[in-house]
Amino acid sequence: MLDAINNFFGFSKTDFAELVKNGATIVDVRSKGEYAGGHIKGSVNIPVDQLENNLGKLKDKSKTIITCCASGMRSASAKTILQKNGFTDVHNGGGWASLNQKI
Protein backbone atom coordinates (compact mmCIF):
# COMPACT_ATOMS: atom_id res chain seq x y z
CA MET A 1 0.00 0.00 0.00
CA LEU A 2 2.74 2.46 0.95
CA ASP A 3 4.62 1.68 -2.28
CA ALA A 4 1.47 2.44 -4.29
CA ILE A 5 1.04 5.78 -2.52
CA ASN A 6 4.73 6.64 -2.97
CA ASN A 7 4.58 5.76 -6.66
CA PHE A 8 1.43 7.84 -7.13
CA PHE A 9 3.16 10.92 -5.74
CA GLY A 10 6.39 10.08 -7.53
CA PHE A 11 8.40 9.20 -4.44
CA SER A 12 9.95 6.08 -5.89
CA LYS A 13 13.58 5.11 -5.55
CA THR A 14 14.57 7.37 -8.42
CA ASP A 15 18.24 8.33 -8.63
CA PHE A 16 17.73 12.07 -8.94
CA ALA A 17 21.47 12.79 -8.91
CA GLU A 18 21.89 10.57 -11.96
CA LEU A 19 18.97 12.25 -13.73
CA VAL A 20 20.48 15.70 -13.10
CA LYS A 21 23.92 14.48 -14.17
CA ASN A 22 22.33 13.35 -17.44
CA GLY A 23 20.76 16.77 -18.08
CA ALA A 24 17.37 16.72 -16.37
CA THR A 25 15.61 20.05 -15.94
CA ILE A 26 14.39 20.83 -12.42
CA VAL A 27 11.11 22.74 -12.44
CA ASP A 28 10.27 24.38 -9.11
CA VAL A 29 6.52 24.97 -9.06
CA ARG A 30 6.34 27.11 -5.92
CA SER A 31 5.33 30.76 -6.02
CA LYS A 32 7.87 33.37 -7.11
CA GLY A 33 8.15 34.56 -3.49
CA GLU A 34 8.82 31.05 -2.18
CA TYR A 35 11.40 30.50 -4.91
CA ALA A 36 13.13 33.79 -4.05
CA GLY A 37 13.46 32.57 -0.46
CA GLY A 38 15.63 29.63 -1.57
CA HIS A 39 15.83 27.16 -4.43
CA ILE A 40 17.98 24.59 -6.18
CA LYS A 41 20.71 26.23 -8.24
CA GLY A 42 19.87 26.01 -11.93
CA SER A 43 16.20 25.19 -11.41
CA VAL A 44 13.45 26.86 -13.42
CA ASN A 45 10.61 28.53 -11.51
CA ILE A 46 7.17 28.10 -13.05
CA PRO A 47 4.43 28.27 -10.39
CA VAL A 48 2.03 25.34 -10.72
CA ASP A 49 -0.95 27.63 -11.33
CA GLN A 50 0.90 29.12 -14.33
CA LEU A 51 2.40 25.89 -15.67
CA GLU A 52 -0.08 25.14 -18.46
CA ASN A 53 0.33 28.66 -19.85
CA ASN A 54 4.14 28.38 -19.81
CA LEU A 55 4.78 24.97 -21.32
CA GLY A 56 6.74 26.67 -24.10
CA LYS A 57 9.54 27.32 -21.61
CA LEU A 58 10.05 23.54 -21.56
CA LYS A 59 10.68 23.05 -25.25
CA ASP A 60 11.64 19.36 -25.53
CA LYS A 61 8.80 17.10 -24.38
CA SER A 62 11.12 14.08 -24.30
CA LYS A 63 13.70 15.71 -22.00
CA THR A 64 13.76 14.52 -18.38
CA ILE A 65 11.98 16.88 -16.00
CA ILE A 66 12.01 16.76 -12.21
CA THR A 67 9.28 18.76 -10.49
CA CYS A 68 9.66 20.07 -6.95
CA CYS A 69 7.83 22.36 -4.53
CA ALA A 70 7.71 22.74 -0.75
CA SER A 71 6.32 19.33 0.24
CA GLY A 72 5.58 17.31 -2.87
CA MET A 73 1.88 18.02 -3.35
CA ARG A 74 2.15 20.78 -5.95
CA SER A 75 4.97 18.96 -7.70
CA ALA A 76 2.72 15.88 -7.99
CA SER A 77 0.07 18.07 -9.63
CA ALA A 78 2.72 19.56 -11.93
CA LYS A 79 3.88 16.09 -12.94
CA THR A 80 0.30 15.23 -13.94
CA ILE A 81 -0.09 18.49 -15.89
CA LEU A 82 3.13 17.89 -17.78
CA GLN A 83 2.27 14.29 -18.60
CA LYS A 84 -1.21 15.34 -19.74
CA ASN A 85 0.49 17.76 -22.14
CA GLY A 86 2.76 15.17 -23.71
CA PHE A 87 5.90 15.33 -21.58
CA THR A 88 7.14 11.76 -21.43
CA ASP A 89 9.87 11.62 -18.75
CA VAL A 90 8.62 13.46 -15.67
CA HIS A 91 9.57 12.71 -12.05
CA ASN A 92 8.18 14.20 -8.84
CA GLY A 93 11.18 15.24 -6.78
CA GLY A 94 9.03 16.25 -3.80
CA GLY A 95 10.16 19.05 -1.55
CA TRP A 96 12.95 21.20 -2.98
CA ALA A 97 15.14 21.10 0.14
CA SER A 98 15.00 17.31 0.30
CA LEU A 99 15.64 17.03 -3.44
CA ASN A 100 18.60 19.39 -3.14
CA GLN A 101 20.20 16.97 -0.67
CA LYS A 102 19.69 14.04 -3.07
CA ILE A 103 21.46 15.71 -5.96
PDB file of N, CA and C in Angstrom:
ATOM      1  N   MET A   1       0.823  -1.203   0.000  1.00  0.00           N
ATOM      2  CA  MET A   1       0.000   0.000   0.000  1.00  0.00           C
ATOM      3  C   MET A   1       0.867   1.268   0.000  1.00  0.00           C
ATOM      4  N   LEU A   2       1.862   1.289   0.877  1.00  0.00           N
ATOM      5  CA  LEU A   2       2.740   2.461   0.952  1.00  0.00           C
ATOM      6  C   LEU A   2       3.495   2.659  -0.362  1.00  0.00           C
ATOM      7  N   ASP A   3       3.938   1.566  -0.987  1.00  0.00           N
ATOM      8  CA  ASP A   3       4.621   1.679  -2.279  1.00  0.00           C
ATOM      9  C   ASP A   3       3.699   2.295  -3.328  1.00  0.00           C
ATOM     10  N   ALA A   4       2.431   1.894  -3.321  1.00  0.00           N
ATOM     11  CA  ALA A   4       1.472   2.439  -4.286  1.00  0.00           C
ATOM     12  C   ALA A   4       1.285   3.938  -4.072  1.00  0.00           C
ATOM     13  N   ILE A   5       1.189   4.348  -2.830  1.00  0.00           N
ATOM     14  CA  ILE A   5       1.042   5.778  -2.515  1.00  0.00           C
ATOM     15  C   ILE A   5       2.300   6.528  -2.934  1.00  0.00           C
ATOM     16  N   ASN A   6       3.469   5.981  -2.594  1.00  0.00           N
ATOM     17  CA  ASN A   6       4.728   6.638  -2.969  1.00  0.00           C
ATOM     18  C   ASN A   6       4.866   6.754  -4.473  1.00  0.00           C
ATOM     19  N   ASN A   7       4.499   5.712  -5.196  1.00  0.00           N
ATOM     20  CA  ASN A   7       4.584   5.762  -6.656  1.00  0.00           C
ATOM     21  C   ASN A   7       3.613   6.772  -7.232  1.00  0.00           C
ATOM     22  N   PHE A   8       2.412   6.872  -6.656  1.00  0.00           N
ATOM     23  CA  PHE A   8       1.427   7.843  -7.132  1.00  0.00           C
ATOM     24  C   PHE A   8       1.987   9.256  -7.044  1.00  0.00           C
ATOM     25  N   PHE A   9       2.617   9.578  -5.920  1.00  0.00           N
ATOM     26  CA  PHE A   9       3.158  10.917  -5.735  1.00  0.00           C
ATOM     27  C   PHE A   9       4.548  11.074  -6.336  1.00  0.00           C
ATOM     28  N   GLY A  10       5.099   9.994  -6.874  1.00  0.00           N
ATOM     29  CA  GLY A  10       6.395  10.079  -7.531  1.00  0.00           C
ATOM     30  C   GLY A  10       7.568   9.879  -6.603  1.00  0.00           C
ATOM     31  N   PHE A  11       7.320   9.389  -5.394  1.00  0.00           N
ATOM     32  CA  PHE A  11       8.398   9.198  -4.436  1.00  0.00           C
ATOM     33  C   PHE A  11       8.961   7.786  -4.531  1.00  0.00           C
ATOM     34  N   SER A  12       9.353   7.394  -5.701  1.00  0.00           N
ATOM     35  CA  SER A  12       9.946   6.079  -5.892  1.00  0.00           C
ATOM     36  C   SER A  12      11.444   6.180  -5.606  1.00  0.00           C
ATOM     37  N   LYS A  13      12.150   5.119  -5.807  1.00  0.00           N
ATOM     38  CA  LYS A  13      13.585   5.106  -5.552  1.00  0.00           C
ATOM     39  C   LYS A  13      14.352   5.630  -6.772  1.00  0.00           C
ATOM     40  N   THR A  14      13.945   6.745  -7.261  1.00  0.00           N
ATOM     41  CA  THR A  14      14.571   7.375  -8.417  1.00  0.00           C
ATOM     42  C   THR A  14      15.923   7.945  -8.019  1.00  0.00           C
ATOM     43  N   ASP A  15      16.919   7.762  -8.860  1.00  0.00           N
ATOM     44  CA  ASP A  15      18.242   8.328  -8.628  1.00  0.00           C
ATOM     45  C   ASP A  15      18.262   9.733  -9.243  1.00  0.00           C
ATOM     46  N   PHE A  16      17.839  10.704  -8.440  1.00  0.00           N
ATOM     47  CA  PHE A  16      17.731  12.074  -8.935  1.00  0.00           C
ATOM     48  C   PHE A  16      19.095  12.656  -9.317  1.00  0.00           C
ATOM     49  N   ALA A  17      20.135  12.292  -8.581  1.00  0.00           N
ATOM     50  CA  ALA A  17      21.475  12.788  -8.909  1.00  0.00           C
ATOM     51  C   ALA A  17      21.879  12.329 -10.306  1.00  0.00           C
ATOM     52  N   GLU A  18      21.564  11.098 -10.631  1.00  0.00           N
ATOM     53  CA  GLU A  18      21.886  10.567 -11.956  1.00  0.00           C
ATOM     54  C   GLU A  18      21.082  11.294 -13.036  1.00  0.00           C
ATOM     55  N   LEU A  19      19.805  11.538 -12.760  1.00  0.00           N
ATOM     56  CA  LEU A  19      18.973  12.251 -13.729  1.00  0.00           C
ATOM     57  C   LEU A  19      19.531  13.646 -14.008  1.00  0.00           C
ATOM     58  N   VAL A  20      19.919  14.355 -12.943  1.00  0.00           N
ATOM     59  CA  VAL A  20      20.480  15.703 -13.099  1.00  0.00           C
ATOM     60  C   VAL A  20      21.805  15.635 -13.849  1.00  0.00           C
ATOM     61  N   LYS A  21      22.640  14.663 -13.496  1.00  0.00           N
ATOM     62  CA  LYS A  21      23.925  14.484 -14.172  1.00  0.00           C
ATOM     63  C   LYS A  21      23.725  14.278 -15.673  1.00  0.00           C
ATOM     64  N   ASN A  22      22.619  13.634 -16.031  1.00  0.00           N
ATOM     65  CA  ASN A  22      22.325  13.353 -17.440  1.00  0.00           C
ATOM     66  C   ASN A  22      21.506  14.454 -18.112  1.00  0.00           C
ATOM     67  N   GLY A  23      21.362  15.611 -17.443  1.00  0.00           N
ATOM     68  CA  GLY A  23      20.757  16.767 -18.084  1.00  0.00           C
ATOM     69  C   GLY A  23      19.308  17.060 -17.770  1.00  0.00           C
ATOM     70  N   ALA A  24      18.757  16.448 -16.737  1.00  0.00           N
ATOM     71  CA  ALA A  24      17.365  16.722 -16.372  1.00  0.00           C
ATOM     72  C   ALA A  24      17.175  18.194 -16.015  1.00  0.00           C
ATOM     73  N   THR A  25      16.000  18.703 -16.324  1.00  0.00           N
ATOM     74  CA  THR A  25      15.610  20.055 -15.938  1.00  0.00           C
ATOM     75  C   THR A  25      14.800  19.969 -14.654  1.00  0.00           C
ATOM     76  N   ILE A  26      15.151  20.775 -13.654  1.00  0.00           N
ATOM     77  CA  ILE A  26      14.389  20.834 -12.416  1.00  0.00           C
ATOM     78  C   ILE A  26      13.434  22.009 -12.515  1.00  0.00           C
ATOM     79  N   VAL A  27      12.140  21.713 -12.385  1.00  0.00           N
ATOM     80  CA  VAL A  27      11.113  22.744 -12.444  1.00  0.00           C
ATOM     81  C   VAL A  27      10.527  22.901 -11.044  1.00  0.00           C
ATOM     82  N   ASP A  28      10.777  24.054 -10.441  1.00  0.00           N
ATOM     83  CA  ASP A  28      10.272  24.375  -9.106  1.00  0.00           C
ATOM     84  C   ASP A  28       8.930  25.075  -9.295  1.00  0.00           C
ATOM     85  N   VAL A  29       7.866  24.462  -8.788  1.00  0.00           N
ATOM     86  CA  VAL A  29       6.520  24.971  -9.063  1.00  0.00           C
ATOM     87  C   VAL A  29       5.938  25.780  -7.903  1.00  0.00           C
ATOM     88  N   ARG A  30       6.799  26.235  -7.001  1.00  0.00           N
ATOM     89  CA  ARG A  30       6.341  27.111  -5.923  1.00  0.00           C
ATOM     90  C   ARG A  30       6.128  28.525  -6.454  1.00  0.00           C
ATOM     91  N   SER A  31       5.544  29.368  -5.619  1.00  0.00           N
ATOM     92  CA  SER A  31       5.329  30.761  -6.018  1.00  0.00           C
ATOM     93  C   SER A  31       6.672  31.465  -6.189  1.00  0.00           C
ATOM     94  N   LYS A  32       6.639  32.590  -6.893  1.00  0.00           N
ATOM     95  CA  LYS A  32       7.869  33.367  -7.110  1.00  0.00           C
ATOM     96  C   LYS A  32       8.493  33.788  -5.777  1.00  0.00           C
ATOM     97  N   GLY A  33       7.655  34.156  -4.805  1.00  0.00           N
ATOM     98  CA  GLY A  33       8.151  34.558  -3.489  1.00  0.00           C
ATOM     99  C   GLY A  33       8.822  33.416  -2.747  1.00  0.00           C
ATOM    100  N   GLU A  34       8.214  32.223  -2.812  1.00  0.00           N
ATOM    101  CA  GLU A  34       8.822  31.054  -2.175  1.00  0.00           C
ATOM    102  C   GLU A  34      10.170  30.739  -2.828  1.00  0.00           C
ATOM    103  N   TYR A  35      10.184  30.791  -4.141  1.00  0.00           N
ATOM    104  CA  TYR A  35      11.402  30.503  -4.907  1.00  0.00           C
ATOM    105  C   TYR A  35      12.506  31.491  -4.533  1.00  0.00           C
ATOM    106  N   ALA A  36      12.146  32.758  -4.399  1.00  0.00           N
ATOM    107  CA  ALA A  36      13.127  33.789  -4.051  1.00  0.00           C
ATOM    108  C   ALA A  36      13.731  33.543  -2.672  1.00  0.00           C
ATOM    109  N   GLY A  37      12.985  32.858  -1.798  1.00  0.00           N
ATOM    110  CA  GLY A  37      13.464  32.568  -0.456  1.00  0.00           C
ATOM    111  C   GLY A  37      14.464  31.419  -0.398  1.00  0.00           C
ATOM    112  N   GLY A  38      14.679  30.739  -1.500  1.00  0.00           N
ATOM    113  CA  GLY A  38      15.628  29.629  -1.567  1.00  0.00           C
ATOM    114  C   GLY A  38      15.192  28.634  -2.615  1.00  0.00           C
ATOM    115  N   HIS A  39      16.141  28.104  -3.363  1.00  0.00           N
ATOM    116  CA  HIS A  39      15.826  27.159  -4.427  1.00  0.00           C
ATOM    117  C   HIS A  39      17.072  26.387  -4.836  1.00  0.00           C
ATOM    118  N   ILE A  40      16.875  25.387  -5.658  1.00  0.00           N
ATOM    119  CA  ILE A  40      17.981  24.591  -6.184  1.00  0.00           C
ATOM    120  C   ILE A  40      18.644  25.381  -7.307  1.00  0.00           C
ATOM    121  N   LYS A  41      19.955  25.506  -7.219  1.00  0.00           N
ATOM    122  CA  LYS A  41      20.712  26.231  -8.238  1.00  0.00           C
ATOM    123  C   LYS A  41      20.448  25.611  -9.611  1.00  0.00           C
ATOM    124  N   GLY A  42      20.117  26.456 -10.569  1.00  0.00           N
ATOM    125  CA  GLY A  42      19.872  26.006 -11.930  1.00  0.00           C
ATOM    126  C   GLY A  42      18.448  25.572 -12.210  1.00  0.00           C
ATOM    127  N   SER A  43      17.599  25.580 -11.185  1.00  0.00           N
ATOM    128  CA  SER A  43      16.204  25.187 -11.406  1.00  0.00           C
ATOM    129  C   SER A  43      15.441  26.304 -12.108  1.00  0.00           C
ATOM    130  N   VAL A  44      14.330  25.924 -12.723  1.00  0.00           N
ATOM    131  CA  VAL A  44      13.453  26.860 -13.424  1.00  0.00           C
ATOM    132  C   VAL A  44      12.211  27.038 -12.560  1.00  0.00           C
ATOM    133  N   ASN A  45      11.808  28.279 -12.325  1.00  0.00           N
ATOM    134  CA  ASN A  45      10.615  28.535 -11.513  1.00  0.00           C
ATOM    135  C   ASN A  45       9.415  28.825 -12.406  1.00  0.00           C
ATOM    136  N   ILE A  46       8.455  27.902 -12.376  1.00  0.00           N
ATOM    137  CA  ILE A  46       7.173  28.097 -13.045  1.00  0.00           C
ATOM    138  C   ILE A  46       6.098  27.674 -12.037  1.00  0.00           C
ATOM    139  N   PRO A  47       5.454  28.634 -11.372  1.00  0.00           N
ATOM    140  CA  PRO A  47       4.431  28.274 -10.385  1.00  0.00           C
ATOM    141  C   PRO A  47       3.371  27.342 -10.991  1.00  0.00           C
ATOM    142  N   VAL A  48       2.931  26.373 -10.200  1.00  0.00           N
ATOM    143  CA  VAL A  48       2.033  25.337 -10.715  1.00  0.00           C
ATOM    144  C   VAL A  48       0.770  25.928 -11.336  1.00  0.00           C
ATOM    145  N   ASP A  49       0.271  27.035 -10.778  1.00  0.00           N
ATOM    146  CA  ASP A  49      -0.946  27.633 -11.330  1.00  0.00           C
ATOM    147  C   ASP A  49      -0.705  28.349 -12.661  1.00  0.00           C
ATOM    148  N   GLN A  50       0.553  28.485 -13.058  1.00  0.00           N
ATOM    149  CA  GLN A  50       0.903  29.116 -14.329  1.00  0.00           C
ATOM    150  C   GLN A  50       1.548  28.128 -15.308  1.00  0.00           C
ATOM    151  N   LEU A  51       1.655  26.872 -14.893  1.00  0.00           N
ATOM    152  CA  LEU A  51       2.404  25.888 -15.670  1.00  0.00           C
ATOM    153  C   LEU A  51       1.821  25.660 -17.062  1.00  0.00           C
ATOM    154  N   GLU A  52       0.518  25.438 -17.149  1.00  0.00           N
ATOM    155  CA  GLU A  52      -0.078  25.143 -18.463  1.00  0.00           C
ATOM    156  C   GLU A  52       0.098  26.277 -19.456  1.00  0.00           C
ATOM    157  N   ASN A  53       0.156  27.510 -18.964  1.00  0.00           N
ATOM    158  CA  ASN A  53       0.334  28.655 -19.855  1.00  0.00           C
ATOM    159  C   ASN A  53       1.802  28.926 -20.187  1.00  0.00           C
ATOM    160  N   ASN A  54       2.715  28.159 -19.589  1.00  0.00           N
ATOM    161  CA  ASN A  54       4.144  28.384 -19.809  1.00  0.00           C
ATOM    162  C   ASN A  54       4.879  27.128 -20.262  1.00  0.00           C
ATOM    163  N   LEU A  55       4.164  26.207 -20.866  1.00  0.00           N
ATOM    164  CA  LEU A  55       4.782  24.965 -21.315  1.00  0.00           C
ATOM    165  C   LEU A  55       5.849  25.213 -22.374  1.00  0.00           C
ATOM    166  N   GLY A  56       5.757  26.325 -23.086  1.00  0.00           N
ATOM    167  CA  GLY A  56       6.743  26.670 -24.104  1.00  0.00           C
ATOM    168  C   GLY A  56       8.138  26.877 -23.536  1.00  0.00           C
ATOM    169  N   LYS A  57       8.231  27.160 -22.239  1.00  0.00           N
ATOM    170  CA  LYS A  57       9.545  27.319 -21.605  1.00  0.00           C
ATOM    171  C   LYS A  57      10.263  25.974 -21.490  1.00  0.00           C
ATOM    172  N   LEU A  58       9.499  24.903 -21.621  1.00  0.00           N
ATOM    173  CA  LEU A  58      10.053  23.545 -21.563  1.00  0.00           C
ATOM    174  C   LEU A  58       9.920  22.954 -22.959  1.00  0.00           C
ATOM    175  N   LYS A  59      10.811  23.303 -23.817  1.00  0.00           N
ATOM    176  CA  LYS A  59      10.676  23.046 -25.249  1.00  0.00           C
ATOM    177  C   LYS A  59      10.625  21.574 -25.648  1.00  0.00           C
ATOM    178  N   ASP A  60      11.508  20.754 -25.106  1.00  0.00           N
ATOM    179  CA  ASP A  60      11.636  19.364 -25.532  1.00  0.00           C
ATOM    180  C   ASP A  60      10.803  18.455 -24.639  1.00  0.00           C
ATOM    181  N   LYS A  61       9.714  17.931 -25.165  1.00  0.00           N
ATOM    182  CA  LYS A  61       8.803  17.098 -24.378  1.00  0.00           C
ATOM    183  C   LYS A  61       9.383  15.739 -24.012  1.00  0.00           C
ATOM    184  N   SER A  62      10.508  15.366 -24.629  1.00  0.00           N
ATOM    185  CA  SER A  62      11.124  14.083 -24.295  1.00  0.00           C
ATOM    186  C   SER A  62      12.263  14.233 -23.279  1.00  0.00           C
ATOM    187  N   LYS A  63      12.629  15.477 -22.960  1.00  0.00           N
ATOM    188  CA  LYS A  63      13.703  15.708 -21.996  1.00  0.00           C
ATOM    189  C   LYS A  63      13.212  15.385 -20.582  1.00  0.00           C
ATOM    190  N   THR A  64      14.106  14.858 -19.762  1.00  0.00           N
ATOM    191  CA  THR A  64      13.761  14.518 -18.378  1.00  0.00           C
ATOM    192  C   THR A  64      13.495  15.784 -17.581  1.00  0.00           C
ATOM    193  N   ILE A  65      12.370  15.768 -16.860  1.00  0.00           N
ATOM    194  CA  ILE A  65      11.981  16.883 -15.997  1.00  0.00           C
ATOM    195  C   ILE A  65      11.748  16.344 -14.599  1.00  0.00           C
ATOM    196  N   ILE A  66      12.267  17.068 -13.609  1.00  0.00           N
ATOM    197  CA  ILE A  66      12.014  16.759 -12.205  1.00  0.00           C
ATOM    198  C   ILE A  66      11.251  17.938 -11.629  1.00  0.00           C
ATOM    199  N   THR A  67      10.053  17.695 -11.114  1.00  0.00           N
ATOM    200  CA  THR A  67       9.279  18.757 -10.488  1.00  0.00           C
ATOM    201  C   THR A  67       9.566  18.770  -8.986  1.00  0.00           C
ATOM    202  N   CYS A  68       9.508  19.960  -8.399  1.00  0.00           N
ATOM    203  CA  CYS A  68       9.655  20.072  -6.947  1.00  0.00           C
ATOM    204  C   CYS A  68       8.846  21.262  -6.452  1.00  0.00           C
ATOM    205  N   CYS A  69       8.570  21.259  -5.164  1.00  0.00           N
ATOM    206  CA  CYS A  69       7.830  22.362  -4.532  1.00  0.00           C
ATOM    207  C   CYS A  69       8.268  22.427  -3.071  1.00  0.00           C
ATOM    208  N   ALA A  70       7.356  22.693  -2.166  1.00  0.00           N
ATOM    209  CA  ALA A  70       7.709  22.740  -0.750  1.00  0.00           C
ATOM    210  C   ALA A  70       7.602  21.367  -0.098  1.00  0.00           C
ATOM    211  N   SER A  71       6.557  20.616  -0.438  1.00  0.00           N
ATOM    212  CA  SER A  71       6.322  19.335   0.241  1.00  0.00           C
ATOM    213  C   SER A  71       6.137  18.148  -0.688  1.00  0.00           C
ATOM    214  N   GLY A  72       5.819  18.392  -1.933  1.00  0.00           N
ATOM    215  CA  GLY A  72       5.579  17.307  -2.875  1.00  0.00           C
ATOM    216  C   GLY A  72       4.177  17.271  -3.436  1.00  0.00           C
ATOM    217  N   MET A  73       3.268  18.026  -2.869  1.00  0.00           N
ATOM    218  CA  MET A  73       1.884  18.020  -3.352  1.00  0.00           C
ATOM    219  C   MET A  73       1.739  18.790  -4.668  1.00  0.00           C
ATOM    220  N   ARG A  74       2.242  20.002  -4.712  1.00  0.00           N
ATOM    221  CA  ARG A  74       2.149  20.783  -5.951  1.00  0.00           C
ATOM    222  C   ARG A  74       2.992  20.160  -7.062  1.00  0.00           C
ATOM    223  N   SER A  75       4.129  19.585  -6.682  1.00  0.00           N
ATOM    224  CA  SER A  75       4.973  18.961  -7.705  1.00  0.00           C
ATOM    225  C   SER A  75       4.307  17.711  -8.273  1.00  0.00           C
ATOM    226  N   ALA A  76       3.491  17.017  -7.474  1.00  0.00           N
ATOM    227  CA  ALA A  76       2.723  15.878  -7.989  1.00  0.00           C
ATOM    228  C   ALA A  76       1.689  16.367  -9.000  1.00  0.00           C
ATOM    229  N   SER A  77       1.034  17.479  -8.689  1.00  0.00           N
ATOM    230  CA  SER A  77       0.075  18.072  -9.628  1.00  0.00           C
ATOM    231  C   SER A  77       0.775  18.506 -10.906  1.00  0.00           C
ATOM    232  N   ALA A  78       1.956  19.106 -10.757  1.00  0.00           N
ATOM    233  CA  ALA A  78       2.721  19.563 -11.926  1.00  0.00           C
ATOM    234  C   ALA A  78       3.123  18.388 -12.800  1.00  0.00           C
ATOM    235  N   LYS A  79       3.511  17.290 -12.182  1.00  0.00           N
ATOM    236  CA  LYS A  79       3.877  16.087 -12.943  1.00  0.00           C
ATOM    237  C   LYS A  79       2.694  15.645 -13.803  1.00  0.00           C
ATOM    238  N   THR A  80       1.503  15.626 -13.212  1.00  0.00           N
ATOM    239  CA  THR A  80       0.299  15.233 -13.938  1.00  0.00           C
ATOM    240  C   THR A  80       0.014  16.192 -15.089  1.00  0.00           C
ATOM    241  N   ILE A  81       0.137  17.486 -14.838  1.00  0.00           N
ATOM    242  CA  ILE A  81      -0.093  18.493 -15.886  1.00  0.00           C
ATOM    243  C   ILE A  81       0.872  18.283 -17.049  1.00  0.00           C
ATOM    244  N   LEU A  82       2.128  18.075 -16.730  1.00  0.00           N
ATOM    245  CA  LEU A  82       3.134  17.889 -17.780  1.00  0.00           C
ATOM    246  C   LEU A  82       2.861  16.624 -18.585  1.00  0.00           C
ATOM    247  N   GLN A  83       2.552  15.540 -17.897  1.00  0.00           N
ATOM    248  CA  GLN A  83       2.270  14.289 -18.605  1.00  0.00           C
ATOM    249  C   GLN A  83       1.029  14.426 -19.478  1.00  0.00           C
ATOM    250  N   LYS A  84       0.018  15.110 -18.977  1.00  0.00           N
ATOM    251  CA  LYS A  84      -1.208  15.335 -19.741  1.00  0.00           C
ATOM    252  C   LYS A  84      -0.930  16.130 -21.015  1.00  0.00           C
ATOM    253  N   ASN A  85       0.125  16.933 -20.989  1.00  0.00           N
ATOM    254  CA  ASN A  85       0.487  17.765 -22.138  1.00  0.00           C
ATOM    255  C   ASN A  85       1.614  17.168 -22.975  1.00  0.00           C
ATOM    256  N   GLY A  86       1.851  15.875 -22.820  1.00  0.00           N
ATOM    257  CA  GLY A  86       2.762  15.172 -23.710  1.00  0.00           C
ATOM    258  C   GLY A  86       4.206  15.042 -23.271  1.00  0.00           C
ATOM    259  N   PHE A  87       4.541  15.502 -22.080  1.00  0.00           N
ATOM    260  CA  PHE A  87       5.900  15.330 -21.581  1.00  0.00           C
ATOM    261  C   PHE A  87       6.037  13.886 -21.114  1.00  0.00           C
ATOM    262  N   THR A  88       7.076  13.215 -21.585  1.00  0.00           N
ATOM    263  CA  THR A  88       7.138  11.761 -21.431  1.00  0.00           C
ATOM    264  C   THR A  88       8.023  11.253 -20.298  1.00  0.00           C
ATOM    265  N   ASP A  89       8.931  12.082 -19.789  1.00  0.00           N
ATOM    266  CA  ASP A  89       9.866  11.620 -18.753  1.00  0.00           C
ATOM    267  C   ASP A  89       9.858  12.610 -17.594  1.00  0.00           C
ATOM    268  N   VAL A  90       8.829  12.505 -16.754  1.00  0.00           N
ATOM    269  CA  VAL A  90       8.621  13.459 -15.665  1.00  0.00           C
ATOM    270  C   VAL A  90       8.670  12.723 -14.328  1.00  0.00           C
ATOM    271  N   HIS A  91       9.411  13.298 -13.384  1.00  0.00           N
ATOM    272  CA  HIS A  91       9.568  12.708 -12.055  1.00  0.00           C
ATOM    273  C   HIS A  91       9.209  13.746 -11.001  1.00  0.00           C
ATOM    274  N   ASN A  92       8.484  13.325  -9.967  1.00  0.00           N
ATOM    275  CA  ASN A  92       8.176  14.204  -8.844  1.00  0.00           C
ATOM    276  C   ASN A  92       9.325  14.109  -7.852  1.00  0.00           C
ATOM    277  N   GLY A  93      10.056  15.203  -7.716  1.00  0.00           N
ATOM    278  CA  GLY A  93      11.181  15.239  -6.775  1.00  0.00           C
ATOM    279  C   GLY A  93      10.778  15.575  -5.358  1.00  0.00           C
ATOM    280  N   GLY A  94       9.499  15.919  -5.144  1.00  0.00           N
ATOM    281  CA  GLY A  94       9.030  16.249  -3.803  1.00  0.00           C
ATOM    282  C   GLY A  94       9.457  17.636  -3.379  1.00  0.00           C
ATOM    283  N   GLY A  95       9.739  17.770  -2.097  1.00  0.00           N
ATOM    284  CA  GLY A  95      10.160  19.054  -1.546  1.00  0.00           C
ATOM    285  C   GLY A  95      11.531  19.453  -2.063  1.00  0.00           C
ATOM    286  N   TRP A  96      11.707  20.728  -2.374  1.00  0.00           N
ATOM    287  CA  TRP A  96      12.952  21.196  -2.983  1.00  0.00           C
ATOM    288  C   TRP A  96      14.159  21.002  -2.063  1.00  0.00           C
ATOM    289  N   ALA A  97      14.001  21.225  -0.775  1.00  0.00           N
ATOM    290  CA  ALA A  97      15.140  21.099   0.142  1.00  0.00           C
ATOM    291  C   ALA A  97      15.618  19.647   0.222  1.00  0.00           C
ATOM    292  N   SER A  98      14.673  18.732   0.271  1.00  0.00           N
ATOM    293  CA  SER A  98      15.002  17.309   0.299  1.00  0.00           C
ATOM    294  C   SER A  98      15.645  16.886  -1.030  1.00  0.00           C
ATOM    295  N   LEU A  99      15.082  17.345  -2.135  1.00  0.00           N
ATOM    296  CA  LEU A  99      15.637  17.028  -3.443  1.00  0.00           C
ATOM    297  C   LEU A  99      17.054  17.564  -3.572  1.00  0.00           C
ATOM    298  N   ASN A 100      17.278  18.763  -3.067  1.00  0.00           N
ATOM    299  CA  ASN A 100      18.601  19.385  -3.144  1.00  0.00           C
ATOM    300  C   ASN A 100      19.655  18.510  -2.449  1.00  0.00           C
ATOM    301  N   GLN A 101      19.276  17.844  -1.380  1.00  0.00           N
ATOM    302  CA  GLN A 101      20.202  16.969  -0.666  1.00  0.00           C
ATOM    303  C   GLN A 101      20.473  15.680  -1.434  1.00  0.00           C
ATOM    304  N   LYS A 102      19.551  15.282  -2.285  1.00  0.00           N
ATOM    305  CA  LYS A 102      19.692  14.040  -3.066  1.00  0.00           C
ATOM    306  C   LYS A 102      20.531  14.216  -4.314  1.00  0.00           C
ATOM    307  N   ILE A 103      20.703  15.480  -4.732  1.00  0.00           N
ATOM    308  CA  ILE A 103      21.456  15.710  -5.962  1.00  0.00           C
ATOM    309  C   ILE A 103      22.807  16.291  -5.615  1.00  0.00           C
TER     310      ILE A 103
END
